[in-house]
Amino acid sequence: MGFWLFAFLLLPCVTALADPVELRAETWLNHLSLRLPEDRTSVLYFFVTFQKEDVDTLVARLNKANKREDTVVIGLTPQGAETVEPYVEKHKIDFAVGARSSSYRDFKVKRFPQVVVIEPPRKGEPPEVVVLSDGSFDRWLGPIDEAVAEADGPSDAEIGETMPTDALRTVAHRSASRKELGAALGHLRTRLPIEEFTELCASLAQEHGGDPFLRAEVAYRQQQADPSRVAKEPRFAPSVEAYHAYRSDPAAAKWEPVRDFAEAMGDRAVEDLSRDYYAYLGDSPGELLIRRKIISALGSRARDEPAVRDRLREDLKDMLLSESDFANRLRVAWTFADVCEPGDFETASFLEAQLATEPNVRHVRPALEYVVRYLRTGEE
């Protein structure tokens, strides 16, 4: 049994496929809608039962995302139902799972786990696709897609005003999710004296030191609590606010330049897109969105056209230095992982230098640190 997913495998710059992509599976477990709604974010989770990652944490996050009205999650695995069914039960997977599925080939999945996030299409535009290579939502959190990130981790009803302070401390110390950690610290910040809260953050930074994203969440919360710091780091970048405004009313007249650019960009060569970036360096919502689209398109081209990667590496360095919006800067940082291979120590050194001066603590710094580690060691 299969069902059809109307979406591009790549980013908006790619020409539409002649036929829709079929999600194939020999057996479907849990609930399944035969056709994915076109107005919802689709999350495809490709996995195998013997992967070493923290399965329960990731599944809990995917279950929460699946409960949202604007999101649907589907698991896909090449393993048979006899192996997968007890695994689904053991890890309490609530979303639909396709067993003995070959769809990983269509999405060019070469290792497991992998998460593919597909944004719904808007009039005149193809869907946007984000491919996460490490099976973690951390590369998707923050400005890449705030809507689903908000579904990650316990709700305020679970970590809220009624939770005792000691219990909040326990949550902060054991957290594997930055949303859970952030929620606990958000409440502790209002309860503890600043000296005690600062001491707690210092302790947590040591405990979560191996995970740059958790460490960044601690640093962000400590920064927000610091009374001597007048300028606080904003939660949302201007480009994220523009993106949500655009998706709520894409036909509005003010978005006409964005629509026109999106329609024409599929025919643009890589060098043209790089030049286009510098034609839209302003801070208007439309220019922020166009730069967002260009960066995403360049990442897609890098994955599909190895010959352009050397040029793109240098272009991305200039973009990282030029980009004023931290969400777009985050996209540039991640694109280095598509353009560069492990062992590219020159680029790693460049990114380390930028890491030392990067002002955005919560999102861009951990992404840069992650990419630097990948380039130096090959580890993700």
Protein backbone atom coordinates (compact mmCIF):
# COMPACT_ATOMS: atom_id res chain seq x y z
CA MET A 1 0.00 0.00 0.00
CA GLY A 2 1.35 3.44 -0.85
CA PHE A 3 0.14 6.99 -0.90
CA TRP A 4 1.12 10.09 -2.78
CA LEU A 5 3.10 13.02 -1.47
CA PHE A 6 2.86 16.10 -3.66
CA ALA A 7 6.20 17.75 -2.94
CA PHE A 8 9.54 18.47 -4.53
CA LEU A 9 12.51 16.50 -3.32
CA LEU A 10 14.63 19.65 -3.35
CA LEU A 11 14.29 23.33 -2.63
CA PRO A 12 12.15 25.86 -4.54
CA CYS A 13 14.77 26.59 -7.13
CA VAL A 14 14.34 23.13 -8.65
CA THR A 15 11.95 22.44 -11.49
CA ALA A 16 8.81 20.58 -10.47
CA LEU A 17 8.83 16.81 -10.84
CA ALA A 18 6.63 15.46 -13.60
CA ASP A 19 5.01 12.99 -11.19
CA PRO A 20 4.36 13.07 -7.46
CA VAL A 21 6.58 11.06 -5.13
CA GLU A 22 5.05 7.89 -3.76
CA LEU A 23 5.78 6.90 -0.18
CA ARG A 24 6.00 3.13 -0.55
CA ALA A 25 5.78 0.57 2.23
CA GLU A 26 4.85 -3.09 2.44
CA THR A 27 3.03 -2.60 5.76
CA TRP A 28 1.66 0.49 7.51
CA LEU A 29 1.51 0.64 11.31
CA ASN A 30 -0.57 3.04 13.40
CA HIS A 31 -2.96 5.51 11.80
CA LEU A 32 -2.52 6.58 8.21
CA SER A 33 -4.21 9.13 6.02
CA LEU A 34 -4.05 8.07 2.38
CA ARG A 35 -3.13 11.54 1.18
CA LEU A 36 -1.07 14.14 2.98
CA PRO A 37 -2.89 17.46 3.36
CA GLU A 38 -1.29 20.15 1.25
CA ASP A 39 -1.77 22.78 3.96
CA ARG A 40 0.31 21.07 6.65
CA THR A 41 4.01 20.68 7.36
CA SER A 42 5.11 17.10 6.65
CA VAL A 43 7.91 15.49 8.67
CA LEU A 44 9.37 12.26 7.28
CA TYR A 45 11.43 10.26 9.79
CA PHE A 46 13.67 7.65 8.14
CA PHE A 47 15.02 5.17 10.68
CA VAL A 48 16.27 1.67 11.45
CA THR A 49 15.75 -0.15 14.74
CA PHE A 50 19.45 -0.59 15.51
CA GLN A 51 20.48 3.07 15.35
CA LYS A 52 22.42 4.26 18.40
CA GLU A 53 20.83 7.69 18.85
CA ASP A 54 18.58 8.56 21.79
CA VAL A 55 15.40 7.12 20.27
CA ASP A 56 12.99 7.91 23.10
CA THR A 57 13.89 11.60 23.18
CA LEU A 58 13.55 12.02 19.43
CA VAL A 59 10.32 10.00 19.24
CA ALA A 60 8.81 12.06 22.05
CA ARG A 61 9.56 15.21 20.09
CA LEU A 62 8.14 13.75 16.88
CA ASN A 63 5.00 12.62 18.74
CA LYS A 64 4.49 16.17 19.99
CA ALA A 65 5.00 17.61 16.51
CA ASN A 66 2.44 15.12 15.14
CA LYS A 67 -0.20 16.38 17.59
CA ARG A 68 -0.10 19.84 16.08
CA GLU A 69 -2.94 20.70 13.71
CA ASP A 70 -0.47 22.07 11.14
CA THR A 71 1.97 19.12 11.15
CA VAL A 72 1.92 15.43 10.19
CA VAL A 73 4.76 13.00 10.98
CA ILE A 74 5.43 9.74 9.13
CA GLY A 75 8.10 7.16 9.95
CA LEU A 76 9.69 5.12 7.16
CA THR A 77 12.09 2.17 7.48
CA PRO A 78 13.49 -0.47 5.13
CA GLN A 79 13.06 -3.12 7.83
CA GLY A 80 10.13 -5.53 7.91
CA ALA A 81 7.02 -5.31 10.07
CA GLU A 82 8.09 -8.25 12.23
CA THR A 83 11.09 -6.21 13.39
CA VAL A 84 9.49 -2.80 13.42
CA GLU A 85 6.21 -3.54 15.23
CA PRO A 86 7.77 -4.36 18.65
CA TYR A 87 10.09 -1.38 18.19
CA VAL A 88 7.10 0.92 17.61
CA GLU A 89 5.41 -0.44 20.74
CA LYS A 90 8.55 -0.26 22.89
CA HIS A 91 9.29 3.36 22.01
CA LYS A 92 5.63 4.46 22.05
CA ILE A 93 5.60 5.80 18.50
CA ASP A 94 2.22 7.45 17.87
CA PHE A 95 2.66 8.53 14.26
CA ALA A 96 2.21 6.39 11.15
CA VAL A 97 5.12 4.08 10.28
CA GLY A 98 5.75 2.39 6.93
CA ALA A 99 7.72 -0.88 7.21
CA ARG A 100 9.84 -2.36 4.42
CA SER A 101 9.79 0.97 2.63
CA SER A 102 12.12 1.84 -0.24
CA SER A 103 11.25 5.55 -0.13
CA TYR A 104 14.62 6.35 1.42
CA ARG A 105 16.05 5.93 -2.09
CA ASP A 106 13.72 8.60 -3.51
CA PHE A 107 14.85 11.04 -0.84
CA LYS A 108 18.53 10.05 -1.26
CA VAL A 109 18.84 8.93 2.35
CA LYS A 110 22.26 7.33 2.77
CA ARG A 111 22.27 6.85 6.53
CA PHE A 112 19.83 6.62 9.38
CA PRO A 113 18.26 8.37 11.15
CA GLN A 114 17.31 11.25 8.88
CA VAL A 115 14.50 13.78 9.13
CA VAL A 116 13.05 15.54 6.08
CA VAL A 117 10.80 18.55 6.76
CA ILE A 118 8.49 19.62 3.94
CA GLU A 119 6.72 22.95 4.21
CA PRO A 120 3.33 23.11 2.45
CA PRO A 121 3.19 24.85 -0.91
CA ARG A 122 1.77 28.31 -1.38
CA LYS A 123 0.11 29.68 -4.49
CA GLY A 124 2.65 30.02 -7.25
CA GLU A 125 5.47 28.45 -5.23
CA PRO A 126 6.73 24.91 -4.60
CA PRO A 127 7.13 23.54 -1.08
CA GLU A 128 10.30 24.26 0.87
CA VAL A 129 12.27 21.23 2.04
CA VAL A 130 14.80 21.04 4.88
CA VAL A 131 16.92 17.88 5.09
CA LEU A 132 18.34 17.13 8.52
CA SER A 133 21.21 14.69 8.30
CA ASP A 134 21.67 13.72 11.94
CA GLY A 135 18.18 12.66 13.01
CA SER A 136 17.95 15.48 15.54
CA PHE A 137 15.53 18.39 15.54
CA ASP A 138 18.33 20.66 16.79
CA ARG A 139 19.26 21.64 13.25
CA TRP A 140 15.65 22.61 12.74
CA LEU A 141 15.00 24.49 15.96
CA GLY A 142 14.95 28.24 16.34
CA PRO A 143 14.59 30.47 13.29
CA ILE A 144 14.49 27.70 10.69
CA ASP A 145 10.93 26.85 11.67
CA GLU A 146 9.68 28.33 14.92
CA ALA A 147 6.21 26.85 14.53
CA VAL A 148 7.23 23.21 14.89
CA ALA A 149 10.05 24.05 17.28
CA GLU A 150 7.40 25.27 19.69
CA ALA A 151 5.95 21.74 19.73
CA ASP A 152 9.27 20.31 20.89
CA GLY A 153 9.58 19.37 24.54
CA PRO A 154 7.12 19.52 27.46
CA SER A 155 4.31 22.05 27.43
CA ASP A 156 3.90 24.80 30.02
CA ALA A 157 1.32 22.57 31.66
CA GLU A 158 4.11 20.03 32.31
CA ILE A 159 6.82 22.53 33.18
CA GLY A 160 4.99 25.50 34.62
CA GLU A 161 4.34 27.74 37.57
CA THR A 162 3.00 24.88 39.67
CA MET A 163 6.19 22.79 39.42
CA PRO A 164 8.32 23.04 42.58
CA THR A 165 11.68 24.76 42.28
CA ASP A 166 13.61 21.58 43.10
CA ALA A 167 11.72 19.73 40.39
CA LEU A 168 12.57 22.46 37.88
CA ARG A 169 16.23 22.12 38.86
CA THR A 170 16.01 18.38 38.22
CA VAL A 171 14.50 18.95 34.80
CA ALA A 172 17.26 21.43 33.91
CA HIS A 173 20.00 18.98 34.94
CA ARG A 174 18.60 15.96 33.08
CA SER A 175 17.30 17.71 29.94
CA ALA A 176 18.13 16.23 26.55
CA SER A 177 15.86 18.73 24.78
CA ARG A 178 16.68 22.42 24.52
CA LYS A 179 12.97 23.28 24.70
CA GLU A 180 12.63 21.38 27.97
CA LEU A 181 15.81 22.96 29.31
CA GLY A 182 14.70 26.42 28.22
CA ALA A 183 11.26 26.03 29.82
CA ALA A 184 12.78 24.97 33.15
CA LEU A 185 15.31 27.80 33.14
CA GLY A 186 12.65 30.31 32.13
CA HIS A 187 10.74 29.57 35.35
CA LEU A 188 13.85 29.29 37.52
CA ARG A 189 14.97 32.70 36.33
CA THR A 190 11.92 34.29 37.97
CA ARG A 191 12.35 32.37 41.24
CA LEU A 192 16.04 32.40 42.03
CA PRO A 193 18.23 35.34 43.02
CA ILE A 194 20.45 36.40 40.13
CA GLU A 195 23.59 35.11 41.86
CA GLU A 196 22.06 31.68 42.43
CA PHE A 197 20.67 31.53 38.88
CA THR A 198 24.07 32.47 37.45
CA GLU A 199 25.72 29.75 39.52
CA LEU A 200 23.14 27.21 38.27
CA CYS A 201 23.79 28.22 34.66
CA ALA A 202 27.54 27.81 35.14
CA SER A 203 26.95 24.30 36.48
CA LEU A 204 24.61 23.41 33.61
CA ALA A 205 27.07 24.72 31.03
CA GLN A 206 29.58 22.20 32.36
CA GLU A 207 27.07 19.34 32.44
CA HIS A 208 25.75 20.00 28.94
CA GLY A 209 29.15 20.99 27.57
CA GLY A 210 29.21 18.19 25.01
CA ASP A 211 26.09 19.48 23.27
CA PRO A 212 26.60 22.96 21.76
CA PHE A 213 22.84 23.50 21.43
CA LEU A 214 22.05 22.79 25.08
CA ARG A 215 25.04 24.86 26.16
CA ALA A 216 23.80 27.69 23.94
CA GLU A 217 20.35 27.54 25.55
CA VAL A 218 21.96 27.92 28.98
CA ALA A 219 24.05 30.87 27.78
CA TYR A 220 20.98 32.52 26.25
CA ARG A 221 18.92 32.17 29.43
CA GLN A 222 21.77 33.50 31.53
CA GLN A 223 22.13 36.45 29.17
CA GLN A 224 18.42 37.21 29.46
CA ALA A 225 18.66 37.22 33.26
CA ASP A 226 21.77 39.43 33.43
CA PRO A 227 20.62 42.82 34.82
CA SER A 228 23.79 44.50 33.54
CA ARG A 229 23.02 43.60 29.94
CA VAL A 230 20.70 46.26 28.52
CA ALA A 231 20.40 44.87 24.97
CA LYS A 232 18.92 41.37 25.08
CA GLU A 233 19.16 38.86 22.26
CA PRO A 234 15.77 38.71 20.49
CA ARG A 235 13.97 35.40 20.32
CA PHE A 236 12.88 35.83 16.69
CA ALA A 237 14.93 37.26 13.87
CA PRO A 238 13.28 39.82 11.56
CA SER A 239 13.39 37.31 8.70
CA VAL A 240 11.39 34.82 10.78
CA GLU A 241 8.74 37.43 11.54
CA ALA A 242 8.66 38.31 7.83
CA TYR A 243 8.36 34.63 6.91
CA HIS A 244 5.33 34.07 9.13
CA ALA A 245 3.70 37.28 7.88
CA TYR A 246 4.30 36.16 4.31
CA ARG A 247 2.85 32.68 4.85
CA SER A 248 -0.24 34.11 6.54
CA ASP A 249 -1.03 36.27 3.48
CA PRO A 250 1.22 35.34 0.54
CA ALA A 251 -0.99 37.12 -2.00
CA ALA A 252 -0.55 40.55 -0.36
CA ALA A 253 0.76 43.24 -2.70
CA LYS A 254 3.83 43.89 -0.55
CA TRP A 255 5.10 40.37 -1.29
CA GLU A 256 5.00 40.79 -5.08
CA PRO A 257 8.81 41.18 -5.36
CA VAL A 258 9.24 37.97 -3.35
CA ARG A 259 6.79 36.08 -5.57
CA ASP A 260 8.43 37.39 -8.73
CA PHE A 261 11.89 36.44 -7.55
CA ALA A 262 10.79 32.95 -6.45
CA GLU A 263 9.20 32.37 -9.85
CA ALA A 264 12.35 33.35 -11.73
CA MET A 265 15.06 31.90 -9.50
CA GLY A 266 14.77 28.34 -10.81
CA ASP A 267 16.40 29.47 -14.06
CA ARG A 268 19.23 31.32 -12.34
CA ALA A 269 22.74 29.87 -12.34
CA VAL A 270 24.68 29.60 -9.09
CA GLU A 271 26.83 32.62 -9.89
CA ASP A 272 23.69 34.62 -10.68
CA LEU A 273 22.07 33.71 -7.38
CA SER A 274 25.22 34.73 -5.52
CA ARG A 275 25.16 38.12 -7.25
CA ASP A 276 21.44 38.44 -6.57
CA TYR A 277 22.12 38.09 -2.86
CA TYR A 278 24.04 41.38 -2.81
CA ALA A 279 21.24 43.17 -4.67
CA TYR A 280 18.92 42.51 -1.71
CA LEU A 281 21.01 43.43 1.33
CA GLY A 282 18.40 45.74 2.84
CA ASP A 283 16.42 45.10 6.01
CA SER A 284 12.93 45.24 4.48
CA PRO A 285 10.83 42.08 5.00
CA GLY A 286 10.84 41.35 1.29
CA GLU A 287 14.62 41.55 0.96
CA LEU A 288 15.09 39.39 4.07
CA LEU A 289 12.86 36.70 2.53
CA ILE A 290 14.60 36.85 -0.84
CA ARG A 291 17.98 36.35 0.84
CA ARG A 292 16.50 33.45 2.78
CA LYS A 293 15.38 31.84 -0.49
CA ILE A 294 18.75 32.41 -2.15
CA ILE A 295 20.66 30.77 0.71
CA SER A 296 18.34 27.76 0.69
CA ALA A 297 18.65 27.45 -3.09
CA LEU A 298 22.44 27.55 -2.92
CA GLY A 299 22.43 24.76 -0.34
CA SER A 300 20.29 22.66 -2.65
CA ARG A 301 22.57 23.32 -5.61
CA ALA A 302 25.58 22.32 -3.51
CA ARG A 303 24.02 18.96 -2.71
CA ASP A 304 23.18 18.23 -6.35
CA GLU A 305 26.04 19.90 -8.22
CA PRO A 306 29.43 19.06 -6.66
CA ALA A 307 31.20 21.10 -9.34
CA VAL A 308 29.88 24.38 -7.90
CA ARG A 309 30.99 23.74 -4.31
CA ASP A 310 34.40 25.41 -4.51
CA ARG A 311 32.85 28.62 -5.76
CA LEU A 312 30.03 28.44 -3.22
CA ARG A 313 32.44 28.01 -0.33
CA GLU A 314 33.98 31.41 -1.05
CA ASP A 315 30.58 33.00 -1.70
CA LEU A 316 29.26 31.69 1.62
CA LYS A 317 32.21 33.17 3.48
CA ASP A 318 31.33 36.60 2.10
CA MET A 319 27.64 36.08 2.90
CA LEU A 320 28.38 35.12 6.49
CA LEU A 321 30.29 38.38 6.91
CA SER A 322 27.60 40.44 5.15
CA GLU A 323 24.39 38.98 6.61
CA SER A 324 22.75 41.15 9.28
CA ASP A 325 19.81 38.83 10.08
CA PHE A 326 20.76 36.05 12.48
CA ALA A 327 18.25 33.53 11.09
CA ASN A 328 19.67 33.97 7.60
CA ARG A 329 23.16 33.81 9.08
CA LEU A 330 22.16 30.51 10.65
CA ARG A 331 21.14 29.22 7.22
CA VAL A 332 24.50 30.25 5.80
CA ALA A 333 26.29 28.43 8.62
CA TRP A 334 24.42 25.19 7.96
CA THR A 335 25.03 25.45 4.22
CA PHE A 336 28.77 25.11 4.83
CA ALA A 337 28.02 21.51 5.85
CA ASP A 338 26.53 20.91 2.37
CA VAL A 339 29.35 22.65 0.53
CA CYS A 340 32.41 21.45 2.45
CA GLU A 341 33.77 18.01 3.25
CA PRO A 342 35.42 16.83 6.47
CA GLY A 343 39.08 17.73 6.36
CA ASP A 344 38.47 21.27 5.05
CA PHE A 345 40.57 22.82 7.81
CA GLU A 346 40.85 26.18 6.05
CA THR A 347 37.08 26.69 6.18
CA ALA A 348 36.96 25.32 9.73
CA SER A 349 39.52 27.95 10.80
CA PHE A 350 37.52 30.68 9.08
CA LEU A 351 34.34 29.62 10.88
CA GLU A 352 36.17 29.43 14.21
CA ALA A 353 37.25 33.04 13.75
CA GLN A 354 33.63 34.03 13.09
CA LEU A 355 32.50 32.01 16.08
CA ALA A 356 34.65 34.19 18.33
CA THR A 357 32.77 37.34 17.27
CA GLU A 358 29.28 35.95 16.49
CA PRO A 359 26.74 37.93 18.54
CA ASN A 360 23.87 35.44 18.38
CA VAL A 361 24.35 33.07 21.30
CA ARG A 362 21.30 30.87 21.01
CA HIS A 363 21.29 29.78 17.37
CA VAL A 364 24.24 30.81 15.22
CA ARG A 365 27.07 30.07 17.64
CA PRO A 366 26.13 26.42 18.26
CA ALA A 367 25.54 25.91 14.53
CA LEU A 368 29.00 27.26 13.73
CA GLU A 369 30.52 25.09 16.44
CA TYR A 370 28.71 22.06 15.06
CA VAL A 371 29.94 22.67 11.51
CA VAL A 372 33.51 23.32 12.68
CA ARG A 373 33.51 19.97 14.53
CA TYR A 374 32.13 18.25 11.43
CA LEU A 375 34.82 19.74 9.18
CA ARG A 376 37.63 18.93 11.60
CA THR A 377 36.56 15.43 12.65
CA GLY A 378 33.79 14.21 10.33
CA GLU A 379 31.60 13.70 13.42
CA GLU A 380 28.00 14.97 13.57
